[in-house]
N, C-alpha and C. Protein backbone atom coordinates (compact mmCIF):
# COMPACT_ATOMS: atom_id res chain seq x y z
N MET A 1 1.04 -1.40 -0.20
CA MET A 1 -0.08 -0.13 0.16
C MET A 1 0.82 1.62 -0.25
N THR A 2 0.82 2.24 -0.41
CA THR A 2 1.35 3.57 -0.72
C THR A 2 0.97 4.55 0.26
N LEU A 3 1.99 5.27 0.58
CA LEU A 3 1.41 6.24 1.66
C LEU A 3 0.52 6.77 1.10
N TYR A 4 0.27 7.31 0.13
CA TYR A 4 -1.00 8.64 -0.30
C TYR A 4 -2.36 7.02 0.02
N GLU A 5 -2.15 6.04 0.06
CA GLU A 5 -3.65 4.83 -0.01
C GLU A 5 -3.39 4.81 1.40
N THR A 6 -2.73 5.12 2.12
CA THR A 6 -2.35 4.58 3.96
C THR A 6 -3.09 5.83 4.10
N ILE A 7 -2.54 7.37 3.73
CA ILE A 7 -3.40 8.48 4.25
C ILE A 7 -5.31 8.89 4.23
N SER A 8 -5.27 7.81 3.03
CA SER A 8 -6.47 8.07 2.73
C SER A 8 -7.29 6.92 3.62
N VAL A 9 -6.66 5.64 4.34
CA VAL A 9 -7.63 4.63 4.59
C VAL A 9 -7.70 5.46 6.25
N HIS A 10 -6.43 6.23 6.78
CA HIS A 10 -6.49 6.50 7.64
C HIS A 10 -7.55 7.80 7.91
N LEU A 11 -7.85 8.96 6.91
CA LEU A 11 -8.53 9.32 6.96
C LEU A 11 -10.40 8.86 7.10
N LYS A 12 -10.44 8.60 6.29
CA LYS A 12 -11.68 7.41 6.38
C LYS A 12 -11.84 7.07 8.05
N GLU A 13 -11.14 6.14 8.30
CA GLU A 13 -11.41 5.80 10.08
C GLU A 13 -11.27 7.06 10.96
N ALA A 14 -10.98 8.22 10.44
CA ALA A 14 -10.94 9.56 11.07
C ALA A 14 -12.38 9.65 11.65
N MET A 15 -13.26 9.77 9.83
CA MET A 15 -14.68 10.30 10.12
C MET A 15 -15.09 9.77 10.52
N LYS A 16 -15.21 7.91 10.51
CA LYS A 16 -16.19 7.11 10.88
C LYS A 16 -15.95 7.65 12.90
N SER A 17 -14.85 7.64 12.89
CA SER A 17 -14.28 7.86 14.61
C SER A 17 -14.74 8.90 15.07
N GLY A 18 -14.85 10.13 14.32
CA GLY A 18 -15.34 11.47 14.44
C GLY A 18 -13.82 12.38 15.17
N ASP A 19 -12.81 11.54 15.08
CA ASP A 19 -11.69 12.44 14.82
C ASP A 19 -11.68 13.68 14.34
N THR A 20 -12.64 15.14 14.75
CA THR A 20 -12.46 16.13 13.82
C THR A 20 -11.06 16.47 13.47
N VAL A 21 -9.80 16.29 14.59
CA VAL A 21 -8.33 17.82 14.07
C VAL A 21 -7.95 16.90 13.16
N ARG A 22 -7.83 15.07 13.33
CA ARG A 22 -7.07 13.76 12.42
C ARG A 22 -7.57 14.05 11.12
N ARG A 23 -9.05 14.45 10.91
CA ARG A 23 -10.12 14.33 10.13
C ARG A 23 -9.50 15.39 9.34
N ASP A 24 -9.72 16.86 9.76
CA ASP A 24 -8.98 17.94 9.20
C ASP A 24 -8.04 18.36 8.89
N THR A 25 -6.98 17.65 9.13
CA THR A 25 -5.12 17.66 8.80
C THR A 25 -5.40 17.06 7.98
N LEU A 26 -5.35 15.76 7.39
CA LEU A 26 -5.94 14.85 6.58
C LEU A 26 -6.35 15.42 5.81
N ARG A 27 -7.36 16.15 5.50
CA ARG A 27 -8.07 16.38 4.03
C ARG A 27 -7.44 17.68 3.53
N LEU A 28 -6.78 18.00 4.34
CA LEU A 28 -5.99 19.09 4.35
C LEU A 28 -4.77 18.69 3.42
N PHE A 29 -4.09 17.88 4.24
CA PHE A 29 -3.22 17.24 3.07
C PHE A 29 -3.24 16.94 1.51
N GLN A 30 -4.49 16.05 1.97
CA GLN A 30 -5.25 15.11 0.79
C GLN A 30 -5.75 16.69 -0.40
N SER A 31 -6.10 17.75 -0.07
CA SER A 31 -6.28 18.48 -0.91
C SER A 31 -4.97 19.49 -1.10
N THR A 32 -4.03 19.66 -0.60
CA THR A 32 -2.51 20.65 -0.94
C THR A 32 -1.94 19.31 -1.79
N LEU A 33 -2.27 17.81 -1.51
CA LEU A 33 -1.74 16.94 -2.92
C LEU A 33 -2.44 16.99 -4.02
N LYS A 34 -3.77 16.90 -3.94
CA LYS A 34 -4.44 17.72 -5.41
C LYS A 34 -3.92 18.86 -6.13
N ASN A 35 -3.50 19.91 -5.41
CA ASN A 35 -3.46 20.99 -6.38
C ASN A 35 -1.78 20.58 -6.53
N VAL A 36 -0.65 20.00 -5.75
CA VAL A 36 0.41 19.61 -6.49
C VAL A 36 0.02 18.46 -7.77
N ALA A 37 -1.14 18.12 -7.37
CA ALA A 37 -0.99 17.10 -8.72
C ALA A 37 -1.87 17.75 -10.39
N ILE A 38 -2.47 18.94 -9.05
CA ILE A 38 -2.62 19.53 -11.14
C ILE A 38 -1.83 20.20 -11.30
N GLU A 39 -0.68 20.73 -10.99
CA GLU A 39 0.18 21.38 -11.47
C GLU A 39 0.98 20.49 -12.12
N LYS A 40 1.15 19.48 -11.67
CA LYS A 40 2.14 18.11 -12.11
C LYS A 40 1.45 17.28 -13.56
N ARG A 41 0.07 17.67 -13.08
CA ARG A 41 -0.71 17.39 -14.60
C ARG A 41 -0.24 15.79 -14.31
N LYS A 42 -0.90 15.51 -13.31
CA LYS A 42 -1.12 13.60 -13.05
C LYS A 42 -2.13 13.75 -11.60
N SER A 43 -2.74 12.52 -11.38
CA SER A 43 -3.29 12.11 -10.47
C SER A 43 -2.51 11.98 -9.06
N PRO A 44 -3.21 12.07 -8.12
CA PRO A 44 -2.34 11.76 -6.96
C PRO A 44 -1.88 10.11 -6.59
N GLU A 45 -3.11 9.52 -7.34
CA GLU A 45 -2.82 7.74 -6.88
C GLU A 45 -1.00 7.48 -7.54
N GLU A 46 -0.99 8.45 -8.39
CA GLU A 46 0.47 8.56 -8.75
C GLU A 46 1.62 8.42 -8.76
N PHE A 47 1.38 9.32 -7.77
CA PHE A 47 2.15 9.92 -7.04
C PHE A 47 3.31 8.72 -6.55
N SER A 48 4.82 8.72 -6.60
CA SER A 48 5.31 7.95 -5.62
C SER A 48 5.16 8.11 -4.23
N ASP A 49 5.96 7.02 -3.35
CA ASP A 49 6.36 8.22 -1.74
C ASP A 49 7.27 9.14 -1.78
N SER A 50 7.95 8.90 -2.26
CA SER A 50 9.01 10.69 -2.51
C SER A 50 8.28 11.24 -2.09
N GLU A 51 7.42 11.71 -3.57
CA GLU A 51 6.70 12.60 -4.05
C GLU A 51 5.06 13.14 -2.92
N VAL A 52 5.39 11.91 -2.43
CA VAL A 52 4.13 12.41 -1.33
C VAL A 52 4.91 13.39 -0.25
N GLU A 53 5.46 12.75 0.37
CA GLU A 53 6.82 12.96 1.66
C GLU A 53 7.29 14.12 1.02
N ASP A 54 7.39 14.81 0.24
CA ASP A 54 7.54 16.31 -0.34
C ASP A 54 6.60 17.33 0.20
N VAL A 55 5.75 16.91 0.04
CA VAL A 55 4.08 17.29 0.23
C VAL A 55 4.49 17.50 2.11
N LEU A 56 4.03 16.24 2.38
CA LEU A 56 3.72 16.73 4.08
C LEU A 56 4.98 17.47 4.37
N LYS A 57 6.72 17.00 4.06
CA LYS A 57 7.50 17.98 4.46
C LYS A 57 7.41 19.24 4.61
N ARG A 58 6.53 20.03 3.04
CA ARG A 58 6.16 20.92 2.75
C ARG A 58 5.15 21.64 4.08
N LEU A 59 3.83 20.87 4.44
CA LEU A 59 3.29 21.47 5.10
C LEU A 59 3.95 21.39 6.63
N VAL A 60 4.80 20.04 7.26
CA VAL A 60 5.45 20.30 8.43
C VAL A 60 6.24 21.79 8.71
N LYS A 61 6.68 21.57 7.50
CA LYS A 61 7.50 23.30 7.39
C LYS A 61 7.07 24.81 7.96
N GLN A 62 5.37 24.78 7.41
CA GLN A 62 4.65 25.43 7.65
C GLN A 62 3.97 25.32 8.91
N ARG A 63 3.75 24.32 9.68
CA ARG A 63 3.22 24.48 10.66
C ARG A 63 4.31 24.67 11.40
N LYS A 64 5.36 24.48 11.67
CA LYS A 64 6.52 24.65 12.53
C LYS A 64 6.58 26.17 12.46
N ASP A 65 6.80 26.67 11.21
CA ASP A 65 6.95 28.43 11.24
C ASP A 65 5.36 29.37 11.84
N SER A 66 4.21 28.26 11.94
CA SER A 66 2.77 28.98 12.42
C SER A 66 2.74 28.94 13.72
N VAL A 67 3.88 27.41 14.21
CA VAL A 67 3.94 27.88 16.11
C VAL A 67 4.68 28.89 15.94
N GLU A 68 5.54 29.06 15.65
CA GLU A 68 6.81 29.76 15.94
C GLU A 68 5.65 31.34 16.21
N GLN A 69 5.43 31.58 14.82
CA GLN A 69 4.29 32.80 14.51
C GLN A 69 4.10 33.42 16.19
N PHE A 70 2.57 31.98 15.86
CA PHE A 70 1.39 31.85 16.78
C PHE A 70 2.09 32.68 18.37
N ARG A 71 3.23 31.85 18.90
CA ARG A 71 3.77 31.81 20.44
C ARG A 71 4.27 33.51 20.15
N ALA A 72 5.09 33.89 19.32
CA ALA A 72 5.50 35.22 19.54
C ALA A 72 4.34 36.40 19.55
N GLY A 73 3.23 36.00 18.72
CA GLY A 73 2.30 36.79 19.05
C GLY A 73 1.11 36.49 20.46
N ALA A 74 1.48 35.76 21.13
CA ALA A 74 1.00 35.05 22.38
C ALA A 74 -0.27 34.54 21.93
N ARG A 75 -0.48 33.78 20.92
CA ARG A 75 -1.59 33.42 20.25
C ARG A 75 -1.51 31.49 21.06
N GLU A 76 -1.16 31.35 22.33
CA GLU A 76 -1.11 29.81 22.87
C GLU A 76 -2.34 28.95 22.16
N ASP A 77 -3.14 29.13 21.73
CA ASP A 77 -4.47 28.20 22.14
C ASP A 77 -3.99 28.18 19.88
N LEU A 78 -4.07 28.49 19.47
CA LEU A 78 -3.71 28.47 17.73
C LEU A 78 -2.26 27.87 17.61
N ALA A 79 -1.13 27.66 18.63
CA ALA A 79 0.03 26.98 17.93
C ALA A 79 -0.04 25.95 18.70
N LEU A 80 -1.24 25.92 19.69
CA LEU A 80 -1.30 24.26 20.02
C LEU A 80 -1.91 23.63 18.98
N LYS A 81 -3.07 23.87 18.43
CA LYS A 81 -3.92 23.53 17.49
C LYS A 81 -2.83 23.22 16.36
N GLU A 82 -1.82 24.27 16.31
CA GLU A 82 -0.78 23.91 14.92
C GLU A 82 -0.24 22.50 14.99
N GLU A 83 0.45 22.50 16.46
CA GLU A 83 1.29 21.25 16.91
C GLU A 83 0.59 20.15 17.04
N ALA A 84 -1.02 20.30 17.06
CA ALA A 84 -1.14 18.93 17.16
C ALA A 84 -1.61 18.39 15.64
N GLU A 85 -1.62 19.59 14.24
CA GLU A 85 -1.43 18.95 13.22
C GLU A 85 -0.09 18.92 12.43
N LEU A 86 1.03 19.57 13.27
CA LEU A 86 2.54 18.99 13.02
C LEU A 86 2.48 17.39 13.69
N ASN A 87 2.54 17.43 14.44
CA ASN A 87 2.88 15.38 14.86
C ASN A 87 2.04 14.69 14.42
N LEU A 88 0.34 14.88 13.83
CA LEU A 88 -0.30 14.41 12.84
C LEU A 88 0.75 14.28 11.12
N LEU A 89 0.95 15.07 10.51
CA LEU A 89 1.99 15.34 9.77
C LEU A 89 3.25 14.11 9.87
N SER A 90 4.11 14.85 10.75
CA SER A 90 4.79 14.62 10.86
C SER A 90 5.28 12.74 10.84
N ALA A 91 4.33 12.21 11.57
CA ALA A 91 4.10 10.57 11.95
C ALA A 91 3.67 9.56 10.10
N TYR A 92 4.00 10.21 9.46
CA TYR A 92 3.89 9.50 8.06
C TYR A 92 5.14 10.35 7.46
N LEU A 93 6.12 10.87 7.88
CA LEU A 93 7.48 10.80 7.61
C LEU A 93 8.14 9.47 7.97
N PRO A 94 9.41 9.51 7.30
CA PRO A 94 10.17 8.60 7.50
C PRO A 94 11.25 9.01 9.20
N GLN A 95 11.14 8.45 10.10
CA GLN A 95 12.60 8.86 10.71
C GLN A 95 13.37 9.82 10.70
N ALA A 96 13.47 11.23 11.08
CA ALA A 96 14.85 11.64 10.75
C ALA A 96 16.07 11.04 11.76
N MET A 97 17.07 11.91 11.04
CA MET A 97 18.13 11.38 11.82
C MET A 97 18.53 11.89 12.64
N GLY A 98 19.38 11.25 13.85
CA GLY A 98 20.25 12.03 15.50
C GLY A 98 20.95 12.67 14.85
N GLU A 99 21.03 13.83 16.28
CA GLU A 99 21.94 14.76 15.76
C GLU A 99 23.46 14.20 15.85
N GLU A 100 23.35 13.13 16.42
CA GLU A 100 25.35 12.76 16.52
C GLU A 100 25.21 12.08 14.81
N GLU A 101 24.29 10.99 14.54
CA GLU A 101 24.57 10.42 12.95
C GLU A 101 24.87 11.78 11.66
N LEU A 102 23.91 12.75 12.12
CA LEU A 102 23.91 13.62 11.00
C LEU A 102 24.99 14.51 11.15
N ARG A 103 25.75 14.69 12.54
CA ARG A 103 26.82 15.35 12.73
C ARG A 103 27.92 14.57 12.14
N ALA A 104 28.30 13.29 12.25
CA ALA A 104 29.70 12.25 11.74
C ALA A 104 29.07 11.99 10.69
N LEU A 105 28.08 12.11 9.48
CA LEU A 105 28.04 12.16 7.97
C LEU A 105 28.14 13.68 7.47
N ILE A 106 28.18 14.57 8.10
CA ILE A 106 28.70 16.03 7.28
C ILE A 106 30.22 15.94 7.90
N VAL A 107 30.82 15.65 9.42
CA VAL A 107 32.03 15.75 9.26
C VAL A 107 33.01 15.12 7.82
N SER A 108 32.50 13.92 8.19
CA SER A 108 32.84 12.67 6.91
C SER A 108 32.45 13.46 5.20
N ALA A 109 31.53 13.64 5.12
CA ALA A 109 31.19 14.55 3.68
C ALA A 109 32.59 15.77 3.57
N LEU A 110 32.21 16.79 4.37
CA LEU A 110 33.02 18.27 4.73
C LEU A 110 34.51 17.57 4.08
N LYS A 111 35.51 16.33 4.73
CA LYS A 111 36.40 15.91 5.61
C LYS A 111 36.94 15.69 3.47
N ILE A 112 35.82 14.58 2.78
CA ILE A 112 35.91 14.16 1.43
C ILE A 112 36.29 15.41 0.65
N ALA A 113 35.57 16.15 0.72
CA ALA A 113 35.12 17.25 -0.28
C ALA A 113 36.27 18.40 -0.05
N GLY A 114 37.42 18.16 1.19
CA GLY A 114 38.45 19.33 1.02
C GLY A 114 37.78 20.77 1.89
N MET A 115 36.72 20.62 2.49
CA MET A 115 36.46 22.20 2.72
C MET A 115 36.64 22.60 4.33
N THR A 116 37.20 23.53 4.33
CA THR A 116 36.95 23.73 5.94
C THR A 116 37.07 25.15 6.15
N SER A 117 36.92 26.16 5.30
CA SER A 117 36.50 27.27 5.17
C SER A 117 34.88 27.97 5.42
N LYS A 118 34.40 28.90 6.30
CA LYS A 118 33.04 29.09 6.17
C LYS A 118 32.69 29.69 4.75
N THR A 119 33.95 30.60 4.30
CA THR A 119 33.41 31.07 3.00
C THR A 119 33.23 30.09 1.91
N GLN A 120 33.12 28.26 2.18
CA GLN A 120 32.98 27.67 1.16
C GLN A 120 31.41 27.12 1.99
N MET A 121 30.75 27.44 2.62
CA MET A 121 29.25 27.81 3.30
C MET A 121 29.12 26.76 2.03
N GLY A 122 28.15 27.82 0.88
CA GLY A 122 27.39 27.49 0.36
C GLY A 122 27.44 26.00 -0.74
N GLN A 123 28.69 25.63 -1.14
CA GLN A 123 29.03 24.27 -1.65
C GLN A 123 29.13 23.27 -0.28
N ALA A 124 29.37 23.61 1.19
CA ALA A 124 29.77 23.17 1.49
C ALA A 124 28.34 22.12 1.37
N MET A 125 26.94 23.00 1.41
CA MET A 125 25.61 23.08 1.68
C MET A 125 25.05 21.59 0.55
N GLY A 126 25.36 22.14 -0.31
CA GLY A 126 25.40 21.40 -1.84
C GLY A 126 25.60 19.88 -1.63
N VAL A 127 27.20 20.05 -1.03
CA VAL A 127 27.70 18.50 -1.25
C VAL A 127 27.11 17.38 0.00
N VAL A 128 26.72 18.06 1.37
CA VAL A 128 26.15 17.59 2.44
C VAL A 128 24.57 17.19 1.76
N MET A 129 23.87 18.33 1.45
CA MET A 129 22.60 18.52 1.04
C MET A 129 22.21 16.40 0.27
N LYS A 130 23.21 16.98 -0.28
CA LYS A 130 23.23 14.89 -1.54
C LYS A 130 23.42 14.27 -0.38
N GLN A 131 24.35 14.55 0.60
CA GLN A 131 24.68 13.11 0.90
C GLN A 131 23.43 12.77 2.43
N VAL A 132 22.76 13.61 2.45
CA VAL A 132 21.39 13.32 3.34
C VAL A 132 20.42 13.16 2.66
N ALA A 133 20.35 13.76 2.24
CA ALA A 133 18.87 12.90 0.88
C ALA A 133 17.70 13.26 1.53
N GLY A 134 17.32 13.95 2.27
CA GLY A 134 15.94 14.69 2.86
C GLY A 134 15.84 13.71 4.36
N ARG A 135 16.73 13.59 4.90
CA ARG A 135 16.66 12.95 6.55
C ARG A 135 17.10 13.43 7.46
N ALA A 136 17.61 14.52 7.07
CA ALA A 136 17.29 15.70 7.86
C ALA A 136 16.55 16.98 7.50
N SER A 137 16.30 18.04 8.51
CA SER A 137 16.17 19.17 7.85
C SER A 137 17.30 19.94 7.06
N GLY A 138 16.53 21.21 6.81
CA GLY A 138 18.22 21.74 5.95
C GLY A 138 18.53 22.88 7.13
N ASP A 139 17.92 23.38 8.00
CA ASP A 139 18.05 24.46 9.08
C ASP A 139 19.27 23.55 10.20
N ASP A 140 18.55 21.78 10.07
CA ASP A 140 19.96 21.41 11.50
C ASP A 140 21.42 21.47 10.38
N VAL A 141 20.90 20.79 8.83
CA VAL A 141 22.40 20.95 8.19
C VAL A 141 22.96 22.78 8.35
N ARG A 142 22.57 23.21 8.23
CA ARG A 142 22.98 24.29 7.81
C ARG A 142 23.90 24.64 9.17
N ARG A 143 22.99 24.35 10.60
CA ARG A 143 23.76 25.10 11.92
C ARG A 143 24.95 24.38 12.48
N ILE A 144 24.49 22.69 12.00
CA ILE A 144 25.88 21.90 12.42
C ILE A 144 26.82 22.03 10.97
N VAL A 145 26.71 22.76 9.36
CA VAL A 145 27.91 22.77 8.88
C VAL A 145 28.22 24.15 9.33
N GLU A 146 27.86 25.46 9.83
CA GLU A 146 28.25 26.71 10.24
C GLU A 146 28.86 26.21 11.38
N ASP A 147 28.74 25.22 12.30
CA ASP A 147 29.33 24.98 13.60
C ASP A 147 30.79 24.61 13.62
N ILE A 148 30.82 23.34 12.13
CA ILE A 148 31.41 22.42 11.91
C ILE A 148 33.00 23.55 11.07
N LEU A 149 32.46 24.12 10.19
CA LEU A 149 33.50 25.38 9.34
C LEU A 149 34.34 26.28 10.42
N SER A 150 33.44 26.81 11.17
CA SER A 150 33.69 28.03 12.26
C SER A 150 34.88 27.75 12.46
């Protein structure tokens, strides 16, 4: 069963059980996925799991940004709602790399590429992001690369 089919089944279960937060979050995901499908001129059922994960990652990033902004604006009620959606969507993504594993991969990649200066930050990010291949956020990678190159 593909990731899209799994989420569709979970949406039906949420509708039957009356879980409104889960239902609404998964409907939002399906709506976003259908919009992307229209842009790419293919049906959502034809999407590979990695394409579905890309849409999920985009929604997760939006939720993280929203939580920060709502907390900055003293809107804890909205921040909690966004966090609930964030947790639901994150459950469908593959497990992210741990901090130690990510740091070891970055050190290895930078050593192989021979990058030691902070002026090579852009090139280093390109090399490392290819190695990471979606298993860690760009923000985490940037933070560790800056730490290592400084």
